[in-house]
PDB file of all heavy atoms in Angstrom:
ATOM      1  N   THR A   1     -13.811  53.388 -28.771  1.00  0.00           N
ATOM      2  CA  THR A   1     -14.443  52.219 -29.383  1.00  0.00           C
ATOM      3  C   THR A   1     -13.773  50.937 -29.011  1.00  0.00           C
ATOM      4  O   THR A   1     -14.388  49.949 -28.667  1.00  0.00           O
ATOM      5  CB  THR A   1     -14.473  52.388 -30.915  1.00  0.00           C
ATOM      6  OG1 THR A   1     -15.115  53.579 -31.265  1.00  0.00           O
ATOM      7  CG2 THR A   1     -15.164  51.194 -31.593  1.00  0.00           C
ATOM      8  N   ALA A   2     -12.391  50.960 -29.058  1.00  0.00           N
ATOM      9  CA  ALA A   2     -11.661  49.733 -28.667  1.00  0.00           C
ATOM     10  C   ALA A   2     -11.897  49.416 -27.166  1.00  0.00           C
ATOM     11  O   ALA A   2     -12.067  48.236 -26.795  1.00  0.00           O
ATOM     12  CB  ALA A   2     -10.162  49.952 -28.896  1.00  0.00           C
ATOM     13  N   GLY A   3     -12.014  50.468 -26.342  1.00  0.00           N
ATOM     14  CA  GLY A   3     -12.212  50.212 -24.912  1.00  0.00           C
ATOM     15  C   GLY A   3     -13.558  49.601 -24.661  1.00  0.00           C
ATOM     16  O   GLY A   3     -13.723  48.665 -23.838  1.00  0.00           O
ATOM     17  N   THR A   4     -14.590  50.117 -25.302  1.00  0.00           N
ATOM     18  CA  THR A   4     -15.951  49.571 -25.161  1.00  0.00           C
ATOM     19  C   THR A   4     -16.052  48.125 -25.619  1.00  0.00           C
ATOM     20  O   THR A   4     -16.691  47.298 -24.985  1.00  0.00           O
ATOM     21  CB  THR A   4     -16.964  50.454 -25.880  1.00  0.00           C
ATOM     22  OG1 THR A   4     -16.929  51.765 -25.343  1.00  0.00           O
ATOM     23  CG2 THR A   4     -18.399  49.883 -25.720  1.00  0.00           C
ATOM     24  N   VAL A   5     -15.443  47.849 -26.789  1.00  0.00           N
ATOM     25  CA  VAL A   5     -15.439  46.458 -27.320  1.00  0.00           C
ATOM     26  C   VAL A   5     -14.718  45.552 -26.360  1.00  0.00           C
ATOM     27  O   VAL A   5     -15.132  44.413 -26.108  1.00  0.00           O
ATOM     28  CB  VAL A   5     -14.808  46.435 -28.700  1.00  0.00           C
ATOM     29  CG1 VAL A   5     -14.610  45.024 -29.180  1.00  0.00           C
ATOM     30  CG2 VAL A   5     -15.659  47.196 -29.711  1.00  0.00           C
ATOM     31  N   LEU A   6     -13.621  46.043 -25.743  1.00  0.00           N
ATOM     32  CA  LEU A   6     -12.896  45.197 -24.779  1.00  0.00           C
ATOM     33  C   LEU A   6     -13.740  44.953 -23.527  1.00  0.00           C
ATOM     34  O   LEU A   6     -13.730  43.855 -23.016  1.00  0.00           O
ATOM     35  CB  LEU A   6     -11.566  45.908 -24.409  1.00  0.00           C
ATOM     36  CG  LEU A   6     -10.642  45.126 -23.475  1.00  0.00           C
ATOM     37  CD1 LEU A   6     -10.292  43.758 -24.011  1.00  0.00           C
ATOM     38  CD2 LEU A   6      -9.358  45.957 -23.191  1.00  0.00           C
ATOM     39  N   ILE A   7     -14.488  45.963 -23.073  1.00  0.00           N
ATOM     40  CA  ILE A   7     -15.317  45.815 -21.910  1.00  0.00           C
ATOM     41  C   ILE A   7     -16.417  44.790 -22.268  1.00  0.00           C
ATOM     42  O   ILE A   7     -16.783  43.922 -21.469  1.00  0.00           O
ATOM     43  CB  ILE A   7     -15.951  47.095 -21.463  1.00  0.00           C
ATOM     44  CG1 ILE A   7     -14.902  48.041 -20.911  1.00  0.00           C
ATOM     45  CG2 ILE A   7     -17.039  46.880 -20.392  1.00  0.00           C
ATOM     46  CD1 ILE A   7     -15.426  49.406 -20.492  1.00  0.00           C
ATOM     47  N   MET A   8     -16.984  44.843 -23.499  1.00  0.00           N
ATOM     48  CA  MET A   8     -18.011  43.905 -23.872  1.00  0.00           C
ATOM     49  C   MET A   8     -17.452  42.524 -23.897  1.00  0.00           C
ATOM     50  O   MET A   8     -18.163  41.551 -23.444  1.00  0.00           O
ATOM     51  CB  MET A   8     -18.512  44.333 -25.278  1.00  0.00           C
ATOM     52  CG  MET A   8     -19.684  43.549 -25.822  1.00  0.00           C
ATOM     53  SD  MET A   8     -20.342  44.330 -27.351  1.00  0.00           S
ATOM     54  CE  MET A   8     -18.924  44.346 -28.404  1.00  0.00           C
ATOM     55  N   TRP A   9     -16.246  42.329 -24.355  1.00  0.00           N
ATOM     56  CA  TRP A   9     -15.620  41.009 -24.375  1.00  0.00           C
ATOM     57  C   TRP A   9     -15.410  40.511 -22.908  1.00  0.00           C
ATOM     58  O   TRP A   9     -15.626  39.348 -22.628  1.00  0.00           O
ATOM     59  CB  TRP A   9     -14.283  41.092 -25.070  1.00  0.00           C
ATOM     60  CG  TRP A   9     -13.534  39.766 -25.108  1.00  0.00           C
ATOM     61  CD1 TRP A   9     -13.738  38.721 -25.961  1.00  0.00           C
ATOM     62  CD2 TRP A   9     -12.505  39.372 -24.200  1.00  0.00           C
ATOM     63  NE1 TRP A   9     -12.871  37.715 -25.651  1.00  0.00           N
ATOM     64  CE2 TRP A   9     -12.091  38.082 -24.596  1.00  0.00           C
ATOM     65  CE3 TRP A   9     -11.820  40.009 -23.133  1.00  0.00           C
ATOM     66  CZ2 TRP A   9     -11.123  37.370 -23.936  1.00  0.00           C
ATOM     67  CZ3 TRP A   9     -10.854  39.311 -22.497  1.00  0.00           C
ATOM     68  CH2 TRP A   9     -10.483  38.034 -22.836  1.00  0.00           C
ATOM     69  N   ILE A  10     -14.950  41.436 -22.058  1.00  0.00           N
ATOM     70  CA  ILE A  10     -14.715  41.052 -20.629  1.00  0.00           C
ATOM     71  C   ILE A  10     -16.051  40.591 -20.032  1.00  0.00           C
ATOM     72  O   ILE A  10     -16.093  39.545 -19.319  1.00  0.00           O
ATOM     73  CB  ILE A  10     -14.181  42.230 -19.842  1.00  0.00           C
ATOM     74  CG1 ILE A  10     -12.728  42.500 -20.305  1.00  0.00           C
ATOM     75  CG2 ILE A  10     -14.215  41.955 -18.354  1.00  0.00           C
ATOM     76  CD1 ILE A  10     -12.136  43.805 -19.673  1.00  0.00           C
ATOM     77  N   GLY A  11     -17.096  41.304 -20.301  1.00  0.00           N
ATOM     78  CA  GLY A  11     -18.411  40.879 -19.712  1.00  0.00           C
ATOM     79  C   GLY A  11     -18.903  39.548 -20.259  1.00  0.00           C
ATOM     80  O   GLY A  11     -19.396  38.713 -19.479  1.00  0.00           O
ATOM     81  N   GLU A  12     -18.653  39.274 -21.505  1.00  0.00           N
ATOM     82  CA  GLU A  12     -19.068  37.953 -22.066  1.00  0.00           C
ATOM     83  C   GLU A  12     -18.200  36.879 -21.525  1.00  0.00           C
ATOM     84  O   GLU A  12     -18.725  35.763 -21.283  1.00  0.00           O
ATOM     85  CB  GLU A  12     -19.005  38.041 -23.577  1.00  0.00           C
ATOM     86  CG  GLU A  12     -20.008  38.928 -24.231  1.00  0.00           C
ATOM     87  CD  GLU A  12     -19.858  39.002 -25.753  1.00  0.00           C
ATOM     88  OE1 GLU A  12     -18.877  38.457 -26.266  1.00  0.00           O
ATOM     89  OE2 GLU A  12     -20.716  39.654 -26.422  1.00  0.00           O
ATOM     90  N   GLN A  13     -16.963  37.126 -21.294  1.00  0.00           N
ATOM     91  CA  GLN A  13     -16.080  36.083 -20.738  1.00  0.00           C
ATOM     92  C   GLN A  13     -16.431  35.779 -19.291  1.00  0.00           C
ATOM     93  O   GLN A  13     -16.388  34.605 -18.839  1.00  0.00           O
ATOM     94  CB  GLN A  13     -14.589  36.553 -20.773  1.00  0.00           C
ATOM     95  CG  GLN A  13     -14.049  36.651 -22.208  1.00  0.00           C
ATOM     96  CD  GLN A  13     -14.071  35.341 -22.931  1.00  0.00           C
ATOM     97  OE1 GLN A  13     -13.608  34.342 -22.436  1.00  0.00           O
ATOM     98  NE2 GLN A  13     -14.680  35.332 -24.131  1.00  0.00           N
ATOM     99  N   ILE A  14     -16.772  36.812 -18.505  1.00  0.00           N
ATOM    100  CA  ILE A  14     -17.235  36.594 -17.137  1.00  0.00           C
ATOM    101  C   ILE A  14     -18.501  35.726 -17.113  1.00  0.00           C
ATOM    102  O   ILE A  14     -18.644  34.805 -16.301  1.00  0.00           O
ATOM    103  CB  ILE A  14     -17.446  37.932 -16.390  1.00  0.00           C
ATOM    104  CG1 ILE A  14     -16.115  38.646 -16.177  1.00  0.00           C
ATOM    105  CG2 ILE A  14     -18.112  37.727 -15.063  1.00  0.00           C
ATOM    106  CD1 ILE A  14     -16.252  40.032 -15.593  1.00  0.00           C
ATOM    107  N   THR A  15     -19.430  36.053 -17.998  1.00  0.00           N
ATOM    108  CA  THR A  15     -20.697  35.302 -18.057  1.00  0.00           C
ATOM    109  C   THR A  15     -20.434  33.859 -18.447  1.00  0.00           C
ATOM    110  O   THR A  15     -21.049  32.946 -17.882  1.00  0.00           O
ATOM    111  CB  THR A  15     -21.679  35.975 -19.036  1.00  0.00           C
ATOM    112  OG1 THR A  15     -21.881  37.331 -18.665  1.00  0.00           O
ATOM    113  CG2 THR A  15     -22.979  35.214 -19.064  1.00  0.00           C
ATOM    114  N   ALA A  16     -19.543  33.632 -19.388  1.00  0.00           N
ATOM    115  CA  ALA A  16     -19.298  32.288 -19.909  1.00  0.00           C
ATOM    116  C   ALA A  16     -18.353  31.420 -19.011  1.00  0.00           C
ATOM    117  O   ALA A  16     -18.678  30.275 -18.744  1.00  0.00           O
ATOM    118  CB  ALA A  16     -18.671  32.347 -21.306  1.00  0.00           C
ATOM    119  N   LYS A  17     -17.343  32.030 -18.455  1.00  0.00           N
ATOM    120  CA  LYS A  17     -16.370  31.277 -17.720  1.00  0.00           C
ATOM    121  C   LYS A  17     -16.300  31.592 -16.215  1.00  0.00           C
ATOM    122  O   LYS A  17     -15.657  30.897 -15.449  1.00  0.00           O
ATOM    123  CB  LYS A  17     -14.963  31.496 -18.296  1.00  0.00           C
ATOM    124  CG  LYS A  17     -14.853  31.124 -19.726  1.00  0.00           C
ATOM    125  CD  LYS A  17     -13.444  31.365 -20.260  1.00  0.00           C
ATOM    126  CE  LYS A  17     -13.292  30.990 -21.718  1.00  0.00           C
ATOM    127  NZ  LYS A  17     -11.940  31.252 -22.251  1.00  0.00           N
ATOM    128  N   GLY A  18     -16.972  32.672 -15.785  1.00  0.00           N
ATOM    129  CA  GLY A  18     -16.971  33.071 -14.382  1.00  0.00           C
ATOM    130  C   GLY A  18     -18.309  32.782 -13.710  1.00  0.00           C
ATOM    131  O   GLY A  18     -19.054  31.869 -14.048  1.00  0.00           O
ATOM    132  N   VAL A  19     -18.574  33.628 -12.681  1.00  0.00           N
ATOM    133  CA  VAL A  19     -19.820  33.494 -11.920  1.00  0.00           C
ATOM    134  C   VAL A  19     -20.616  34.804 -12.056  1.00  0.00           C
ATOM    135  O   VAL A  19     -20.071  35.869 -11.844  1.00  0.00           O
ATOM    136  CB  VAL A  19     -19.550  33.208 -10.455  1.00  0.00           C
ATOM    137  CG1 VAL A  19     -20.841  33.082  -9.647  1.00  0.00           C
ATOM    138  CG2 VAL A  19     -18.719  31.903 -10.324  1.00  0.00           C
ATOM    139  N   GLY A  20     -21.882  34.705 -12.367  1.00  0.00           N
ATOM    140  CA  GLY A  20     -22.740  35.887 -12.489  1.00  0.00           C
ATOM    141  C   GLY A  20     -22.782  36.446 -13.911  1.00  0.00           C
ATOM    142  O   GLY A  20     -22.114  35.954 -14.832  1.00  0.00           O
ATOM    143  N   ASN A  21     -23.591  37.488 -14.005  1.00  0.00           N
ATOM    144  CA  ASN A  21     -23.697  38.189 -15.275  1.00  0.00           C
ATOM    145  C   ASN A  21     -22.585  39.218 -15.439  1.00  0.00           C
ATOM    146  O   ASN A  21     -22.456  40.095 -14.610  1.00  0.00           O
ATOM    147  CB  ASN A  21     -25.083  38.878 -15.406  1.00  0.00           C
ATOM    148  CG  ASN A  21     -25.295  39.591 -16.736  1.00  0.00           C
ATOM    149  OD1 ASN A  21     -24.802  40.672 -16.951  1.00  0.00           O
ATOM    150  ND2 ASN A  21     -26.089  38.936 -17.598  1.00  0.00           N
ATOM    151  N   GLY A  22     -21.738  39.059 -16.493  1.00  0.00           N
ATOM    152  CA  GLY A  22     -20.542  39.890 -16.608  1.00  0.00           C
ATOM    153  C   GLY A  22     -20.874  41.394 -16.740  1.00  0.00           C
ATOM    154  O   GLY A  22     -20.214  42.234 -16.156  1.00  0.00           O
ATOM    155  N   ILE A  23     -21.884  41.755 -17.531  1.00  0.00           N
ATOM    156  CA  ILE A  23     -22.215  43.141 -17.705  1.00  0.00           C
ATOM    157  C   ILE A  23     -22.678  43.750 -16.412  1.00  0.00           C
ATOM    158  O   ILE A  23     -22.276  44.880 -16.054  1.00  0.00           O
ATOM    159  CB  ILE A  23     -23.363  43.247 -18.801  1.00  0.00           C
ATOM    160  CG1 ILE A  23     -22.955  42.624 -20.125  1.00  0.00           C
ATOM    161  CG2 ILE A  23     -23.724  44.726 -19.017  1.00  0.00           C
ATOM    162  CD1 ILE A  23     -21.678  43.176 -20.736  1.00  0.00           C
ATOM    163  N   SER A  24     -23.533  43.048 -15.680  1.00  0.00           N
ATOM    164  CA  SER A  24     -23.987  43.609 -14.375  1.00  0.00           C
ATOM    165  C   SER A  24     -22.849  43.739 -13.381  1.00  0.00           C
ATOM    166  O   SER A  24     -22.770  44.723 -12.640  1.00  0.00           O
ATOM    167  CB  SER A  24     -25.053  42.654 -13.794  1.00  0.00           C
ATOM    168  OG  SER A  24     -26.191  42.554 -14.684  1.00  0.00           O
ATOM    169  N   LEU A  25     -21.922  42.766 -13.380  1.00  0.00           N
ATOM    170  CA  LEU A  25     -20.790  42.805 -12.446  1.00  0.00           C
ATOM    171  C   LEU A  25     -19.859  44.000 -12.746  1.00  0.00           C
ATOM    172  O   LEU A  25     -19.263  44.567 -11.843  1.00  0.00           O
ATOM    173  CB  LEU A  25     -20.031  41.552 -12.447  1.00  0.00           C
ATOM    174  CG  LEU A  25     -20.705  40.348 -11.732  1.00  0.00           C
ATOM    175  CD1 LEU A  25     -19.900  39.057 -11.958  1.00  0.00           C
ATOM    176  CD2 LEU A  25     -20.813  40.624 -10.240  1.00  0.00           C
TER     177      LEU A  25
END
C-alpha cells in the first residue's frame, strides 16, 4: 500500500513539475 501510494505521488509530481503524463511514463 505504501509503495502504490508513493508511485501515485511520483506520477502526480511528474505531471505537475515534469514533462508528460506521470502515470503513463
